[in-house]
Amino acid sequence: MIQRIQSIWLLLASIAILCLLLVPVIGAATDKNYYILNGFGLQVEGAAQVINIPLLLSIVLAGLISLINIFNYRNRKLQIRIASLNIFLILALSFWLSQIIKGINGLKTLDIEPGLYFPLAAIIFTLLAIRGIKQDEKLIRSADRLR
């Protein structure tokens, strides 16, 4: 049953959230430096990347939850609960990323990067997966009624 449409949605959600590790989320300029925020943490342009381990682990965890949830197709109610938990985790990650940017002193300008849209895409894909799981549950219940 891995070939269901919600498996594709969960895979896309996993890919979208893991893309935060590769694509910058936002750029921020101050009087002295230009900062780039990505899944590894806040980097000063021209300096070495300082890795924020808790942020990195949270992003990888959110991606792995979606990926592992694909194989939980036998227990649809648990699959819905795990997907809902993952949405909450992605929202918490988005809030955390915004708090990292707000922590920069002397902020002048913000540059929106493509990575800003990946958490939103992951949430949308997860919601579509939940819808597909609910449709499967409805189909199985109607088939059980006919037996």
C-alpha atoms as a PDB file:
ATOM      1  CA  MET A   1       0.000   0.000   0.000  1.00  0.00           C
ATOM      2  CA  ILE A   2       3.001   2.303  -0.332  1.00  0.00           C
ATOM      3  CA  GLN A   3       1.781   3.375  -3.779  1.00  0.00           C
ATOM      4  CA  ARG A   4      -1.035   5.493  -2.327  1.00  0.00           C
ATOM      5  CA  ILE A   5      -1.248   9.223  -3.121  1.00  0.00           C
ATOM      6  CA  GLN A   6      -0.626  10.190   0.504  1.00  0.00           C
ATOM      7  CA  SER A   7       2.731   8.444   0.303  1.00  0.00           C
ATOM      8  CA  ILE A   8       3.692  10.855  -2.458  1.00  0.00           C
ATOM      9  CA  TRP A   9       2.461  13.824  -0.410  1.00  0.00           C
ATOM     10  CA  LEU A  10       4.451  12.674   2.629  1.00  0.00           C
ATOM     11  CA  LEU A  11       7.551  12.168   0.483  1.00  0.00           C
ATOM     12  CA  LEU A  12       7.177  15.676  -0.952  1.00  0.00           C
ATOM     13  CA  ALA A  13       6.733  17.083   2.561  1.00  0.00           C
ATOM     14  CA  SER A  14       9.911  15.336   3.655  1.00  0.00           C
ATOM     15  CA  ILE A  15      11.848  16.658   0.664  1.00  0.00           C
ATOM     16  CA  ALA A  16      10.517  20.189   1.204  1.00  0.00           C
ATOM     17  CA  ILE A  17      11.542  20.340   4.852  1.00  0.00           C
ATOM     18  CA  LEU A  18      14.944  18.759   4.191  1.00  0.00           C
ATOM     19  CA  CYS A  19      15.591  21.368   1.475  1.00  0.00           C
ATOM     20  CA  LEU A  20      15.992  23.867   4.320  1.00  0.00           C
ATOM     21  CA  LEU A  21      19.431  22.342   4.806  1.00  0.00           C
ATOM     22  CA  LEU A  22      20.490  23.349   1.285  1.00  0.00           C
ATOM     23  CA  VAL A  23      18.628  26.560   0.495  1.00  0.00           C
ATOM     24  CA  PRO A  24      18.929  29.812   2.470  1.00  0.00           C
ATOM     25  CA  VAL A  25      15.781  30.874   4.295  1.00  0.00           C
ATOM     26  CA  ILE A  26      16.430  34.570   4.715  1.00  0.00           C
ATOM     27  CA  GLY A  27      19.184  37.120   4.404  1.00  0.00           C
ATOM     28  CA  ALA A  28      19.591  39.956   6.897  1.00  0.00           C
ATOM     29  CA  ALA A  29      21.771  43.031   6.635  1.00  0.00           C
ATOM     30  CA  THR A  30      23.081  45.169   9.482  1.00  0.00           C
ATOM     31  CA  ASP A  31      25.530  48.074   9.404  1.00  0.00           C
ATOM     32  CA  LYS A  32      28.494  45.733   9.777  1.00  0.00           C
ATOM     33  CA  ASN A  33      27.549  42.286   8.425  1.00  0.00           C
ATOM     34  CA  TYR A  34      25.247  40.339   6.147  1.00  0.00           C
ATOM     35  CA  TYR A  35      23.704  37.237   7.743  1.00  0.00           C
ATOM     36  CA  ILE A  36      22.309  34.206   5.956  1.00  0.00           C
ATOM     37  CA  LEU A  37      19.925  31.867   7.772  1.00  0.00           C
ATOM     38  CA  ASN A  38      19.610  28.268   6.603  1.00  0.00           C
ATOM     39  CA  GLY A  39      18.900  24.913   8.206  1.00  0.00           C
ATOM     40  CA  PHE A  40      22.339  24.761   9.766  1.00  0.00           C
ATOM     41  CA  GLY A  41      22.002  28.081  11.565  1.00  0.00           C
ATOM     42  CA  LEU A  42      22.953  31.719  11.140  1.00  0.00           C
ATOM     43  CA  GLN A  43      26.034  32.413   9.040  1.00  0.00           C
ATOM     44  CA  VAL A  44      27.892  35.677   8.655  1.00  0.00           C
ATOM     45  CA  GLU A  45      28.700  36.141   4.984  1.00  0.00           C
ATOM     46  CA  GLY A  46      32.369  35.508   4.351  1.00  0.00           C
ATOM     47  CA  ALA A  47      32.868  33.644   7.640  1.00  0.00           C
ATOM     48  CA  ALA A  48      32.735  29.969   8.467  1.00  0.00           C
ATOM     49  CA  GLN A  49      29.326  28.411   9.154  1.00  0.00           C
ATOM     50  CA  VAL A  50      28.540  27.950  12.829  1.00  0.00           C
ATOM     51  CA  ILE A  51      26.238  24.946  13.084  1.00  0.00           C
ATOM     52  CA  ASN A  52      23.228  25.180  15.389  1.00  0.00           C
ATOM     53  CA  ILE A  53      22.928  21.516  16.403  1.00  0.00           C
ATOM     54  CA  PRO A  54      19.387  21.675  17.929  1.00  0.00           C
ATOM     55  CA  LEU A  55      18.034  23.448  14.832  1.00  0.00           C
ATOM     56  CA  LEU A  56      19.733  20.962  12.523  1.00  0.00           C
ATOM     57  CA  LEU A  57      18.391  17.992  14.486  1.00  0.00           C
ATOM     58  CA  SER A  58      14.868  19.441  14.516  1.00  0.00           C
ATOM     59  CA  ILE A  59      14.835  19.902  10.757  1.00  0.00           C
ATOM     60  CA  VAL A  60      16.187  16.401  10.141  1.00  0.00           C
ATOM     61  CA  LEU A  61      13.666  14.986  12.638  1.00  0.00           C
ATOM     62  CA  ALA A  62      10.747  16.718  10.891  1.00  0.00           C
ATOM     63  CA  GLY A  63      11.904  15.348   7.537  1.00  0.00           C
ATOM     64  CA  LEU A  64      12.400  11.837   8.884  1.00  0.00           C
ATOM     65  CA  ILE A  65       8.995  11.807  10.588  1.00  0.00           C
ATOM     66  CA  SER A  66       7.314  12.428   7.235  1.00  0.00           C
ATOM     67  CA  LEU A  67       9.491   9.852   5.532  1.00  0.00           C
ATOM     68  CA  ILE A  68       8.936   7.148   8.156  1.00  0.00           C
ATOM     69  CA  ASN A  69       5.219   7.921   8.333  1.00  0.00           C
ATOM     70  CA  ILE A  70       4.902   6.648   4.753  1.00  0.00           C
ATOM     71  CA  PHE A  71       5.447   3.091   6.006  1.00  0.00           C
ATOM     72  CA  ASN A  72       2.827   3.387   8.738  1.00  0.00           C
ATOM     73  CA  TYR A  73       0.002   2.685   6.281  1.00  0.00           C
ATOM     74  CA  ARG A  74      -1.552  -0.172   8.265  1.00  0.00           C
ATOM     75  CA  ASN A  75      -2.562   2.074  11.160  1.00  0.00           C
ATOM     76  CA  ARG A  76      -4.251   5.035   9.513  1.00  0.00           C
ATOM     77  CA  LYS A  77      -5.370   6.761  12.718  1.00  0.00           C
ATOM     78  CA  LEU A  78      -1.822   6.738  14.055  1.00  0.00           C
ATOM     79  CA  GLN A  79      -0.595   7.965  10.679  1.00  0.00           C
ATOM     80  CA  ILE A  80      -2.961  10.949  10.892  1.00  0.00           C
ATOM     81  CA  ARG A  81      -1.808  11.731  14.449  1.00  0.00           C
ATOM     82  CA  ILE A  82       1.854  11.571  13.471  1.00  0.00           C
ATOM     83  CA  ALA A  83       1.234  13.810  10.449  1.00  0.00           C
ATOM     84  CA  SER A  84      -0.580  16.324  12.681  1.00  0.00           C
ATOM     85  CA  LEU A  85       2.323  16.248  15.126  1.00  0.00           C
ATOM     86  CA  ASN A  86       4.685  16.886  12.235  1.00  0.00           C
ATOM     87  CA  ILE A  87       2.665  19.951  11.195  1.00  0.00           C
ATOM     88  CA  PHE A  88       3.029  21.275  14.736  1.00  0.00           C
ATOM     89  CA  LEU A  89       6.783  20.600  14.617  1.00  0.00           C
ATOM     90  CA  ILE A  90       7.143  22.428  11.294  1.00  0.00           C
ATOM     91  CA  LEU A  91       5.214  25.409  12.697  1.00  0.00           C
ATOM     92  CA  ALA A  92       7.497  25.427  15.741  1.00  0.00           C
ATOM     93  CA  LEU A  93      10.523  25.322  13.435  1.00  0.00           C
ATOM     94  CA  SER A  94       9.197  28.285  11.461  1.00  0.00           C
ATOM     95  CA  PHE A  95       8.701  30.231  14.682  1.00  0.00           C
ATOM     96  CA  TRP A  96      12.208  29.291  15.810  1.00  0.00           C
ATOM     97  CA  LEU A  97      13.707  30.513  12.527  1.00  0.00           C
ATOM     98  CA  SER A  98      11.861  33.826  12.894  1.00  0.00           C
ATOM     99  CA  GLN A  99      13.166  34.222  16.450  1.00  0.00           C
ATOM    100  CA  ILE A 100      16.732  33.664  15.248  1.00  0.00           C
ATOM    101  CA  ILE A 101      16.320  36.523  12.783  1.00  0.00           C
ATOM    102  CA  LYS A 102      14.719  38.770  15.421  1.00  0.00           C
ATOM    103  CA  GLY A 103      17.775  38.172  17.607  1.00  0.00           C
ATOM    104  CA  ILE A 104      20.062  40.067  15.228  1.00  0.00           C
ATOM    105  CA  ASN A 105      20.908  43.497  16.641  1.00  0.00           C
ATOM    106  CA  GLY A 106      20.844  46.528  14.349  1.00  0.00           C
ATOM    107  CA  LEU A 107      18.814  44.877  11.614  1.00  0.00           C
ATOM    108  CA  LYS A 108      18.472  47.106   8.534  1.00  0.00           C
ATOM    109  CA  THR A 109      17.020  45.001   5.728  1.00  0.00           C
ATOM    110  CA  LEU A 110      15.665  41.505   5.189  1.00  0.00           C
ATOM    111  CA  ASP A 111      16.023  39.606   1.927  1.00  0.00           C
ATOM    112  CA  ILE A 112      13.490  36.866   1.348  1.00  0.00           C
ATOM    113  CA  GLU A 113      15.132  33.716   0.016  1.00  0.00           C
ATOM    114  CA  PRO A 114      13.426  30.675  -1.556  1.00  0.00           C
ATOM    115  CA  GLY A 115      13.832  28.580   1.607  1.00  0.00           C
ATOM    116  CA  LEU A 116      11.214  30.705   3.341  1.00  0.00           C
ATOM    117  CA  TYR A 117       8.468  28.912   1.416  1.00  0.00           C
ATOM    118  CA  PHE A 118       9.583  25.332   2.102  1.00  0.00           C
ATOM    119  CA  PRO A 119       7.957  25.011   5.559  1.00  0.00           C
ATOM    120  CA  LEU A 120       4.670  26.253   4.108  1.00  0.00           C
ATOM    121  CA  ALA A 121       4.945  23.759   1.241  1.00  0.00           C
ATOM    122  CA  ALA A 122       5.695  20.945   3.720  1.00  0.00           C
ATOM    123  CA  ILE A 123       2.610  21.850   5.776  1.00  0.00           C
ATOM    124  CA  ILE A 124       0.422  21.902   2.651  1.00  0.00           C
ATOM    125  CA  PHE A 125       1.784  18.533   1.496  1.00  0.00           C
ATOM    126  CA  THR A 126       1.172  17.043   4.941  1.00  0.00           C
ATOM    127  CA  LEU A 127      -2.401  18.364   4.984  1.00  0.00           C
ATOM    128  CA  LEU A 128      -2.987  16.794   1.562  1.00  0.00           C
ATOM    129  CA  ALA A 129      -1.591  13.518   2.912  1.00  0.00           C
ATOM    130  CA  ILE A 130      -3.983  13.675   5.877  1.00  0.00           C
ATOM    131  CA  ARG A 131      -6.858  14.216   3.449  1.00  0.00           C
ATOM    132  CA  GLY A 132      -5.784  11.157   1.463  1.00  0.00           C
ATOM    133  CA  ILE A 133      -5.493   9.052   4.618  1.00  0.00           C
ATOM    134  CA  LYS A 134      -9.003  10.067   5.661  1.00  0.00           C
ATOM    135  CA  GLN A 135     -10.334   9.122   2.208  1.00  0.00           C
ATOM    136  CA  ASP A 136      -8.706   5.699   2.563  1.00  0.00           C
ATOM    137  CA  GLU A 137     -10.274   5.267   5.992  1.00  0.00           C
ATOM    138  CA  LYS A 138     -13.678   6.197   4.580  1.00  0.00           C
ATOM    139  CA  LEU A 139     -13.253   3.741   1.687  1.00  0.00           C
ATOM    140  CA  ILE A 140     -12.291   0.888   4.013  1.00  0.00           C
ATOM    141  CA  ARG A 141     -15.213   1.580   6.333  1.00  0.00           C
ATOM    142  CA  SER A 142     -17.643   1.521   3.392  1.00  0.00           C
ATOM    143  CA  ALA A 143     -16.123  -1.754   2.159  1.00  0.00           C
ATOM    144  CA  ASP A 144     -16.499  -3.254   5.651  1.00  0.00           C
ATOM    145  CA  ARG A 145     -20.174  -2.290   5.663  1.00  0.00           C
ATOM    146  CA  LEU A 146     -20.758  -4.193   2.461  1.00  0.00           C
ATOM    147  CA  ARG A 147     -19.333  -7.468   3.810  1.00  0.00           C
END
